[in-house]
Amino acid sequence: MQSKIKHFLVENKKTLVLSMGLILILLFLIFIHLPLATGFVNKGYRIYQLTQRYNSLDEMENEIANLKKNNEVLLNQSQITSSMSEESNKLSNIMNLLNTKLKENKLLAVSIKPQEETQEKDFVILPFELELYGNYHSFGRFLNDLESSTIPLRITDFEINSRDNISVNLDFKLKLSAYLLKG
C-alpha cells in the first residue's frame, strides 16, 4: 500500500505542485479580495439607503446644503466660545493674582467684583472693585506686590475706613484696572 502511494506521488508530483499552487493562489485572492468585495457591497448598500431616503437628487442636495450651513454655524459658535474662554482665562489669571497677593499679605477679601471691560487702541481694560479688611502695613505690602506684578495694574481710587477706634484693622475699598494687550 505504501509503495502505491509513493508511486502515485512520484508520478503526479508536477500535478500536485500545480494543484497546491493554484489552491494557494485562490486562497490568497479570496482573502485579499473578500474585504474589497465586502466594501463594494457596503458602499452599494449605503447608496441604496440614500436613494430610499431621498425622493430626488434635489432633496439630497438640499440636505447637503443644510448640513453645510449647520457646520458653519457650529464652527462660528466654536470660535465665539474659544474667544470667550480666552477672555475668561485672562479674567481668571487676574483674579488668581489678586487672591494670591491678598493671602500672601494676610488681607481678607470681603469682595472682588469685576466690572465691565472697556477697550482702548491696543488694550483691553479690565476694571475691578475690591473691598478688603486688614491692617495698614499689610495693605501697603499688597500695593507694593501689585506694583511689581507682571500684569500692568492701575489703581484709580481707594478709600480707607476704620471700624472702630480700638481695632488695628481697617476697611479698604479699592478700584483698580488691569491693562491687557488685545489679541
Protein backbone atom coordinates (compact mmCIF):
# COMPACT_ATOMS: atom_id res chain seq x y z
CA MET A 1 0.00 0.00 0.00
CA GLN A 2 2.80 2.41 0.88
CA SER A 3 4.57 1.67 -2.35
CA LYS A 4 1.41 2.54 -4.32
CA ILE A 5 1.16 5.90 -2.55
CA LYS A 6 4.86 6.61 -3.20
CA HIS A 7 4.46 5.63 -6.83
CA PHE A 8 1.35 7.90 -7.18
CA LEU A 9 3.16 10.83 -5.57
CA VAL A 10 6.25 10.41 -7.78
CA GLU A 11 4.25 10.13 -10.98
CA ASN A 12 1.86 13.00 -10.15
CA LYS A 13 4.38 15.31 -8.45
CA LYS A 14 4.05 18.08 -11.03
CA THR A 15 0.27 17.91 -10.96
CA LEU A 16 0.17 18.03 -7.16
CA VAL A 17 2.56 21.00 -7.03
CA LEU A 18 0.47 22.88 -9.61
CA SER A 19 -2.73 21.99 -7.74
CA MET A 20 -1.27 23.20 -4.43
CA GLY A 21 -0.06 26.40 -6.10
CA LEU A 22 -3.49 27.04 -7.57
CA ILE A 23 -5.13 26.42 -4.21
CA LEU A 24 -2.73 28.88 -2.53
CA ILE A 25 -3.39 31.48 -5.22
CA LEU A 26 -7.14 31.02 -4.83
CA LEU A 27 -6.90 31.35 -1.05
CA PHE A 28 -4.75 34.45 -1.46
CA LEU A 29 -7.25 36.02 -3.85
CA ILE A 30 -10.17 35.15 -1.62
CA PHE A 31 -8.58 36.65 1.49
CA ILE A 32 -7.36 39.76 -0.32
CA HIS A 33 -10.43 40.44 -2.41
CA LEU A 34 -13.07 39.43 0.11
CA PRO A 35 -12.67 42.63 2.18
CA LEU A 36 -12.65 44.68 -1.03
CA ALA A 37 -15.77 42.96 -2.26
CA THR A 38 -17.40 43.49 1.14
CA GLY A 39 -16.51 47.19 0.92
CA PHE A 40 -18.12 47.45 -2.50
CA VAL A 41 -21.22 45.69 -1.25
CA ASN A 42 -21.40 48.02 1.79
CA LYS A 43 -20.98 51.11 -0.39
CA GLY A 44 -23.64 49.83 -2.74
CA TYR A 45 -25.98 49.27 0.19
CA ARG A 46 -25.29 52.80 1.50
CA ILE A 47 -26.10 54.25 -1.92
CA TYR A 48 -29.28 52.17 -1.92
CA GLN A 49 -30.18 53.56 1.53
CA LEU A 50 -29.62 57.12 0.32
CA THR A 51 -31.81 56.56 -2.72
CA GLN A 52 -34.54 55.20 -0.44
CA ARG A 53 -34.22 58.18 1.93
CA TYR A 54 -34.47 60.90 -0.70
CA ASN A 55 -37.08 61.04 -3.44
CA SER A 56 -34.91 63.11 -5.75
CA LEU A 57 -31.41 64.42 -6.24
CA ASP A 58 -32.66 67.92 -5.34
CA GLU A 59 -33.75 66.71 -1.90
CA MET A 60 -30.31 65.20 -1.33
CA GLU A 61 -28.58 68.41 -2.46
CA ASN A 62 -30.82 70.49 -0.15
CA GLU A 63 -29.94 68.19 2.76
CA ILE A 64 -26.23 68.56 1.99
CA ALA A 65 -26.60 72.37 1.79
CA ASN A 66 -28.40 72.38 5.17
CA LEU A 67 -25.68 70.23 6.71
CA LYS A 68 -23.02 72.63 5.42
CA LYS A 69 -24.91 75.60 6.92
CA ASN A 70 -25.20 73.80 10.26
CA ASN A 71 -21.47 73.04 10.20
CA GLU A 72 -20.69 76.72 9.55
CA VAL A 73 -22.93 77.76 12.45
CA LEU A 74 -21.23 75.23 14.73
CA LEU A 75 -17.81 76.46 13.62
CA ASN A 76 -18.78 80.08 14.36
CA GLN A 77 -20.13 79.09 17.78
CA SER A 78 -16.90 77.22 18.47
CA GLN A 79 -14.84 80.28 17.56
CA ILE A 80 -17.01 82.52 19.77
CA THR A 81 -16.68 80.05 22.65
CA SER A 82 -12.93 79.94 22.11
CA SER A 83 -12.63 83.74 22.30
CA MET A 84 -14.90 83.78 25.36
CA SER A 85 -12.72 81.18 27.04
CA GLU A 86 -9.65 83.34 26.29
CA GLU A 87 -11.36 86.32 27.94
CA SER A 88 -12.43 84.26 30.93
CA ASN A 89 -8.88 82.88 31.11
CA LYS A 90 -7.50 86.45 31.30
CA LEU A 91 -10.03 87.32 33.98
CA SER A 92 -9.18 84.13 35.84
CA ASN A 93 -5.45 84.93 35.75
CA ILE A 94 -6.04 88.38 37.24
CA MET A 95 -8.37 87.00 39.91
CA ASN A 96 -5.76 84.37 40.81
CA LEU A 97 -3.07 87.07 41.05
CA LEU A 98 -5.24 89.21 43.33
CA ASN A 99 -6.20 86.29 45.56
CA THR A 100 -2.61 85.10 45.82
CA LYS A 101 -1.33 88.56 46.78
CA LEU A 102 -4.14 89.01 49.31
CA LYS A 103 -3.31 85.71 51.01
CA GLU A 104 0.43 86.41 50.99
CA ASN A 105 -0.17 89.76 52.69
CA LYS A 106 -2.79 88.45 55.12
CA LEU A 107 -5.61 90.62 53.87
CA LEU A 108 -9.20 89.43 53.87
CA ALA A 109 -11.09 89.91 50.60
CA VAL A 110 -14.62 90.94 51.54
CA SER A 111 -15.47 91.14 47.83
CA ILE A 112 -13.79 91.27 44.44
CA LYS A 113 -16.12 92.46 41.70
CA PRO A 114 -15.03 92.52 38.07
CA GLN A 115 -16.60 95.43 36.20
CA GLU A 116 -17.46 95.79 32.53
CA GLU A 117 -14.37 95.78 30.36
CA THR A 118 -13.51 98.67 28.08
CA GLN A 119 -11.25 98.88 25.07
CA GLU A 120 -8.69 101.44 24.06
CA LYS A 121 -6.46 101.42 20.99
CA ASP A 122 -4.30 98.35 21.65
CA PHE A 123 -5.55 97.48 25.14
CA VAL A 124 -8.39 95.74 26.89
CA ILE A 125 -9.03 97.30 30.29
CA LEU A 126 -10.50 95.04 32.98
CA PRO A 127 -11.63 97.11 35.99
CA PHE A 128 -12.22 95.64 39.45
CA GLU A 129 -13.71 96.87 42.72
CA LEU A 130 -12.18 95.31 45.83
CA GLU A 131 -13.31 95.51 49.43
CA LEU A 132 -10.59 94.37 51.80
CA TYR A 133 -10.05 94.07 55.53
CA GLY A 134 -6.70 94.07 57.26
CA ASN A 135 -4.01 96.26 58.78
CA TYR A 136 -2.31 99.24 57.18
CA HIS A 137 1.08 97.51 56.75
CA SER A 138 -0.47 94.50 55.00
CA PHE A 139 -2.30 96.86 52.66
CA GLY A 140 0.99 98.66 51.87
CA ARG A 141 2.74 95.35 51.06
CA PHE A 142 -0.23 94.33 48.90
CA LEU A 143 0.02 97.58 46.90
CA ASN A 144 3.77 97.05 46.52
CA ASP A 145 3.19 93.49 45.21
CA LEU A 146 0.61 94.76 42.72
CA GLU A 147 3.07 97.37 41.50
CA SER A 148 5.71 94.73 40.81
CA SER A 149 3.33 92.20 39.21
CA THR A 150 3.73 91.05 35.61
CA ILE A 151 0.24 92.34 34.72
CA PRO A 152 0.07 96.13 34.37
CA LEU A 153 -2.38 97.37 37.00
CA ARG A 154 -3.53 100.91 37.77
CA ILE A 155 -5.25 102.00 40.97
CA THR A 156 -7.88 104.57 40.08
CA ASP A 157 -9.39 105.13 43.53
CA PHE A 158 -9.14 103.87 47.09
CA GLU A 159 -10.73 104.61 50.44
CA ILE A 160 -9.64 103.67 53.97
CA ASN A 161 -12.07 103.45 56.90
CA SER A 162 -11.74 102.18 60.45
CA ARG A 163 -14.48 100.09 62.01
CA ASP A 164 -13.86 101.47 65.47
CA ASN A 165 -11.16 103.40 67.30
CA ILE A 166 -9.74 100.35 69.08
CA SER A 167 -9.13 97.97 66.15
CA VAL A 168 -5.82 97.88 64.29
CA ASN A 169 -7.56 96.52 61.21
CA LEU A 170 -9.11 98.76 58.60
CA ASP A 171 -11.63 98.53 55.76
CA PHE A 172 -10.17 99.24 52.32
CA LYS A 173 -12.14 99.96 49.16
CA LEU A 174 -10.05 99.86 46.05
CA LYS A 175 -10.73 100.40 42.36
CA LEU A 176 -8.10 99.10 40.00
CA SER A 177 -7.79 98.28 36.33
CA ALA A 178 -5.75 95.65 34.57
CA TYR A 179 -4.37 96.55 31.14
CA LEU A 180 -4.03 93.70 28.67
CA LEU A 181 -2.89 93.73 25.05
CA LYS A 182 -5.61 92.96 22.53
CA GLY A 183 -5.39 89.66 20.72
